[in-house]
Amino acid sequence: MTKPAFPIVWARIVAHAEEDFTTKTGMHFTYAVNQRFVIPSRTNYALSQANFEAAYKIVPFDGPGTINATVRGPSYVWAILHDPRIRAGDW
């Protein structure tokens, strides 16, 4: 199965802002989207769209440790990208 282009996935991320998500360790969070940034409710820093795009290149992957040195907020990036609403069965 071919993964969709990243702009399609980013549109899904934007569409599901303010909904409940869960990290691999079970922490619940929501997020807001401000232009090209995701702001998780459990932090006070923004995660750039580029973080998600970098991680998307290697999805699926087992957990946030895989991208720990690559992106900021790996737990949130992993949780969002691997959520069924974002994946939509694509990977």
Protein backbone atom coordinates (compact mmCIF):
# COMPACT_ATOMS: atom_id res chain seq x y z
CA MET A 1 0.00 0.00 0.00
CA THR A 2 1.33 3.44 -0.92
CA LYS A 3 1.26 6.16 1.71
CA PRO A 4 -0.57 9.36 0.74
CA ALA A 5 1.39 12.54 0.17
CA PHE A 6 2.26 14.38 3.37
CA PRO A 7 -0.12 17.34 2.70
CA ILE A 8 -3.02 14.88 2.96
CA VAL A 9 -1.77 13.67 6.33
CA TRP A 10 -1.18 17.25 7.51
CA ALA A 11 -4.78 18.09 6.57
CA ARG A 12 -5.94 15.18 8.76
CA ILE A 13 -3.80 16.47 11.64
CA VAL A 14 -5.37 19.91 11.27
CA ALA A 15 -8.88 18.44 11.03
CA HIS A 16 -8.50 16.53 14.32
CA ALA A 17 -7.10 19.40 16.42
CA GLU A 18 -8.65 19.68 19.90
CA GLU A 19 -9.59 15.97 19.94
CA ASP A 20 -8.27 13.52 22.52
CA PHE A 21 -5.08 11.62 21.66
CA THR A 22 -3.00 9.19 23.72
CA THR A 23 0.75 8.71 23.85
CA LYS A 24 2.28 5.24 23.78
CA THR A 25 2.58 5.41 27.59
CA GLY A 26 -1.11 6.27 28.00
CA MET A 27 -0.95 10.04 28.61
CA HIS A 28 -3.98 11.83 27.17
CA PHE A 29 -3.56 15.15 25.40
CA THR A 30 -5.19 17.41 22.86
CA TYR A 31 -3.47 19.84 20.54
CA ALA A 32 -4.08 23.10 18.76
CA VAL A 33 -2.80 23.97 15.31
CA ASN A 34 -1.41 27.43 14.70
CA GLN A 35 -0.48 27.79 11.05
CA ARG A 36 2.35 25.26 10.60
CA PHE A 37 2.71 24.28 14.25
CA VAL A 38 1.06 21.78 16.58
CA ILE A 39 0.84 22.84 20.22
CA PRO A 40 0.16 19.90 22.57
CA SER A 41 -1.93 20.61 25.66
CA ARG A 42 0.62 19.02 28.00
CA THR A 43 3.51 21.29 26.94
CA ASN A 44 4.15 24.94 26.28
CA TYR A 45 6.18 24.52 23.11
CA ALA A 46 5.19 24.21 19.48
CA LEU A 47 6.04 21.28 17.22
CA SER A 48 6.69 22.34 13.65
CA GLN A 49 5.06 20.77 10.64
CA ALA A 50 8.60 19.82 9.57
CA ASN A 51 8.84 17.50 12.60
CA PHE A 52 5.80 15.59 11.44
CA GLU A 53 6.99 15.49 7.85
CA ALA A 54 10.40 14.10 8.89
CA ALA A 55 8.79 11.38 11.00
CA TYR A 56 6.19 10.61 8.33
CA LYS A 57 8.95 9.54 5.97
CA ILE A 58 9.58 6.47 8.15
CA VAL A 59 6.07 5.55 9.41
CA PRO A 60 5.12 3.13 10.65
CA PHE A 61 7.66 2.73 13.44
CA ASP A 62 7.49 1.05 16.84
CA GLY A 63 7.60 4.03 19.14
CA PRO A 64 8.83 7.53 19.87
CA GLY A 65 12.33 6.31 20.70
CA THR A 66 12.86 5.74 16.99
CA ILE A 67 12.60 9.48 16.31
CA ASN A 68 13.92 10.80 19.63
CA ALA A 69 17.04 12.29 18.05
CA THR A 70 15.23 13.45 14.91
CA VAL A 71 12.24 15.51 16.07
CA ARG A 72 11.09 17.62 18.97
CA GLY A 73 8.27 16.11 21.02
CA PRO A 74 8.66 12.55 19.71
CA SER A 75 5.94 11.16 22.01
CA TYR A 76 3.38 13.56 20.57
CA VAL A 77 4.54 13.17 16.98
CA TRP A 78 4.37 9.37 17.26
CA ALA A 79 0.95 9.44 18.94
CA ILE A 80 -0.57 11.73 16.34
CA LEU A 81 0.90 10.01 13.29
CA HIS A 82 -0.04 6.52 14.51
CA ASP A 83 -3.59 7.39 15.59
CA PRO A 84 -6.24 5.67 13.42
CA ARG A 85 -7.86 9.03 12.57
CA ILE A 86 -4.60 10.23 11.03
CA ARG A 87 -3.46 6.90 9.57
CA ALA A 88 -6.86 6.15 8.04
CA GLY A 89 -5.62 2.65 7.28
CA ASP A 90 -2.85 3.96 5.05
CA TRP A 91 0.06 2.36 6.93
